């Protein structure tokens, strides 16, 4: 019985994370990608090291500094905050601190 309950709870967490990720629409046009990449290089935005791997839908720890998105990056990402990681940029909902989009800059 305990195994069934644990499996059910785990499935609910996975499904709610997927539903969260699917409910957010982030569109970054190719020219916006160029502006973002140039900004990160020009402004020397430091990379943030996060010990645990955080996927889309995961919560960013409170000690991770979230940066404001510049207006020129576009309206689809403007309401969010971001941090620069070794895997690219992570766009984060500032209220919940959940990752809503993972932008691989390579």
C-alpha atoms as a PDB file:
ATOM      1  CA  UNK A   1       0.000   0.000   0.000  1.00  0.00           C
ATOM      2  CA  UNK A   2       2.823   2.420   0.889  1.00  0.00           C
ATOM      3  CA  UNK A   3       4.525   1.747  -2.443  1.00  0.00           C
ATOM      4  CA  UNK A   4       1.296   2.517  -4.277  1.00  0.00           C
ATOM      5  CA  UNK A   5       0.859   5.793  -2.405  1.00  0.00           C
ATOM      6  CA  UNK A   6       4.479   6.827  -3.015  1.00  0.00           C
ATOM      7  CA  UNK A   7       4.225   5.976  -6.708  1.00  0.00           C
ATOM      8  CA  UNK A   8       0.981   7.938  -6.994  1.00  0.00           C
ATOM      9  CA  UNK A   9       2.479  10.970  -5.268  1.00  0.00           C
ATOM     10  CA  UNK A  10       5.564  10.857  -7.486  1.00  0.00           C
ATOM     11  CA  UNK A  11       3.415  10.633 -10.617  1.00  0.00           C
ATOM     12  CA  UNK A  12       1.376  13.654  -9.508  1.00  0.00           C
ATOM     13  CA  UNK A  13       4.541  15.718  -8.995  1.00  0.00           C
ATOM     14  CA  UNK A  14       5.866  14.782 -12.444  1.00  0.00           C
ATOM     15  CA  UNK A  15       2.546  15.519 -14.128  1.00  0.00           C
ATOM     16  CA  UNK A  16       2.133  18.864 -12.373  1.00  0.00           C
ATOM     17  CA  UNK A  17       5.672  19.877 -13.426  1.00  0.00           C
ATOM     18  CA  UNK A  18       4.913  18.945 -17.017  1.00  0.00           C
ATOM     19  CA  UNK A  19       1.601  20.802 -16.925  1.00  0.00           C
ATOM     20  CA  UNK A  20       3.370  23.860 -15.556  1.00  0.00           C
ATOM     21  CA  UNK A  21       6.015  23.715 -18.279  1.00  0.00           C
ATOM     22  CA  UNK A  22       3.414  23.246 -20.996  1.00  0.00           C
ATOM     23  CA  UNK A  23       1.282  26.142 -19.762  1.00  0.00           C
ATOM     24  CA  UNK A  24       3.969  28.771 -20.356  1.00  0.00           C
ATOM     25  CA  UNK A  25       4.676  29.943 -23.897  1.00  0.00           C
ATOM     26  CA  UNK A  26       8.070  31.495 -24.521  1.00  0.00           C
ATOM     27  CA  UNK A  27       8.977  32.403 -28.071  1.00  0.00           C
ATOM     28  CA  UNK A  28      12.400  33.781 -28.873  1.00  0.00           C
ATOM     29  CA  UNK A  29      12.872  34.826 -32.496  1.00  0.00           C
ATOM     30  CA  UNK A  30      16.280  34.292 -34.125  1.00  0.00           C
ATOM     31  CA  UNK A  31      17.106  38.009 -34.017  1.00  0.00           C
ATOM     32  CA  UNK A  32      16.215  38.085 -30.306  1.00  0.00           C
ATOM     33  CA  UNK A  33      18.578  35.155 -29.709  1.00  0.00           C
ATOM     34  CA  UNK A  34      21.358  37.211 -31.283  1.00  0.00           C
ATOM     35  CA  UNK A  35      20.568  40.213 -29.033  1.00  0.00           C
ATOM     36  CA  UNK A  36      20.502  37.999 -25.946  1.00  0.00           C
ATOM     37  CA  UNK A  37      23.803  36.293 -26.767  1.00  0.00           C
ATOM     38  CA  UNK A  38      25.494  39.635 -27.544  1.00  0.00           C
ATOM     39  CA  UNK A  39      24.170  41.156 -24.295  1.00  0.00           C
ATOM     40  CA  UNK A  40      25.480  38.261 -22.170  1.00  0.00           C
ATOM     41  CA  UNK A  41      28.951  38.623 -23.734  1.00  0.00           C
ATOM     42  CA  UNK A  42      29.031  42.449 -23.765  1.00  0.00           C
ATOM     43  CA  UNK A  43      27.849  42.808 -20.156  1.00  0.00           C
ATOM     44  CA  UNK A  44      30.012  39.927 -18.894  1.00  0.00           C
ATOM     45  CA  UNK A  45      27.018  38.367 -17.139  1.00  0.00           C
ATOM     46  CA  UNK A  46      28.549  35.908 -14.672  1.00  0.00           C
ATOM     47  CA  UNK A  47      27.528  32.278 -14.656  1.00  0.00           C
ATOM     48  CA  UNK A  48      25.694  31.020 -11.624  1.00  0.00           C
ATOM     49  CA  UNK A  49      26.658  27.642 -10.239  1.00  0.00           C
ATOM     50  CA  UNK A  50      23.706  25.675  -8.938  1.00  0.00           C
ATOM     51  CA  UNK A  51      24.661  22.418  -7.238  1.00  0.00           C
ATOM     52  CA  UNK A  52      21.488  20.513  -7.971  1.00  0.00           C
ATOM     53  CA  UNK A  53      20.293  20.130 -11.552  1.00  0.00           C
ATOM     54  CA  UNK A  54      17.150  22.197 -12.060  1.00  0.00           C
ATOM     55  CA  UNK A  55      14.931  21.346 -14.985  1.00  0.00           C
ATOM     56  CA  UNK A  56      12.005  23.291 -16.434  1.00  0.00           C
ATOM     57  CA  UNK A  57       9.304  23.351 -13.755  1.00  0.00           C
ATOM     58  CA  UNK A  58      11.855  23.045 -10.936  1.00  0.00           C
ATOM     59  CA  UNK A  59      12.303  25.660  -8.233  1.00  0.00           C
ATOM     60  CA  UNK A  60      15.430  27.799  -8.127  1.00  0.00           C
ATOM     61  CA  UNK A  61      17.020  28.065  -4.648  1.00  0.00           C
ATOM     62  CA  UNK A  62      16.612  31.380  -2.821  1.00  0.00           C
ATOM     63  CA  UNK A  63      20.368  32.046  -2.858  1.00  0.00           C
ATOM     64  CA  UNK A  64      20.460  32.209  -6.682  1.00  0.00           C
ATOM     65  CA  UNK A  65      20.384  35.824  -7.866  1.00  0.00           C
ATOM     66  CA  UNK A  66      17.741  36.403 -10.531  1.00  0.00           C
ATOM     67  CA  UNK A  67      18.448  39.212 -12.984  1.00  0.00           C
ATOM     68  CA  UNK A  68      15.885  41.459 -14.641  1.00  0.00           C
ATOM     69  CA  UNK A  69      15.299  40.778 -18.342  1.00  0.00           C
ATOM     70  CA  UNK A  70      16.273  43.770 -20.517  1.00  0.00           C
ATOM     71  CA  UNK A  71      13.356  45.157 -22.615  1.00  0.00           C
ATOM     72  CA  UNK A  72      15.179  44.545 -25.911  1.00  0.00           C
ATOM     73  CA  UNK A  73      15.039  40.782 -25.325  1.00  0.00           C
ATOM     74  CA  UNK A  74      11.363  40.788 -26.258  1.00  0.00           C
ATOM     75  CA  UNK A  75       7.902  40.761 -24.753  1.00  0.00           C
ATOM     76  CA  UNK A  76       7.670  36.970 -24.400  1.00  0.00           C
ATOM     77  CA  UNK A  77      10.453  36.891 -21.769  1.00  0.00           C
ATOM     78  CA  UNK A  78      10.078  40.376 -20.266  1.00  0.00           C
ATOM     79  CA  UNK A  79       7.839  39.310 -17.333  1.00  0.00           C
ATOM     80  CA  UNK A  80      10.455  36.814 -16.118  1.00  0.00           C
ATOM     81  CA  UNK A  81      13.874  36.943 -14.500  1.00  0.00           C
ATOM     82  CA  UNK A  82      16.902  34.940 -15.566  1.00  0.00           C
ATOM     83  CA  UNK A  83      20.212  33.518 -14.490  1.00  0.00           C
ATOM     84  CA  UNK A  84      23.166  32.459 -16.613  1.00  0.00           C
ATOM     85  CA  UNK A  85      24.250  28.875 -15.990  1.00  0.00           C
ATOM     86  CA  UNK A  86      26.809  26.558 -17.539  1.00  0.00           C
ATOM     87  CA  UNK A  87      23.974  25.226 -19.732  1.00  0.00           C
ATOM     88  CA  UNK A  88      22.781  28.621 -20.971  1.00  0.00           C
ATOM     89  CA  UNK A  89      20.066  30.912 -19.637  1.00  0.00           C
ATOM     90  CA  UNK A  90      17.257  29.855 -17.371  1.00  0.00           C
ATOM     91  CA  UNK A  91      14.151  32.038 -17.437  1.00  0.00           C
ATOM     92  CA  UNK A  92      12.382  32.013 -14.083  1.00  0.00           C
ATOM     93  CA  UNK A  93       8.952  33.106 -12.860  1.00  0.00           C
ATOM     94  CA  UNK A  94       9.902  35.663 -10.160  1.00  0.00           C
ATOM     95  CA  UNK A  95       6.868  34.878  -7.996  1.00  0.00           C
ATOM     96  CA  UNK A  96       7.264  31.103  -7.758  1.00  0.00           C
ATOM     97  CA  UNK A  97      10.995  30.913  -8.660  1.00  0.00           C
ATOM     98  CA  UNK A  98      10.157  28.083 -11.059  1.00  0.00           C
ATOM     99  CA  UNK A  99      12.187  27.661 -14.239  1.00  0.00           C
ATOM    100  CA  UNK A 100       9.847  28.271 -17.162  1.00  0.00           C
ATOM    101  CA  UNK A 101      12.285  28.094 -20.079  1.00  0.00           C
ATOM    102  CA  UNK A 102      15.776  26.761 -20.647  1.00  0.00           C
ATOM    103  CA  UNK A 103      17.639  28.614 -23.416  1.00  0.00           C
ATOM    104  CA  UNK A 104      20.743  26.757 -24.587  1.00  0.00           C
ATOM    105  CA  UNK A 105      23.105  29.423 -25.947  1.00  0.00           C
ATOM    106  CA  UNK A 106      25.534  27.047 -27.659  1.00  0.00           C
END
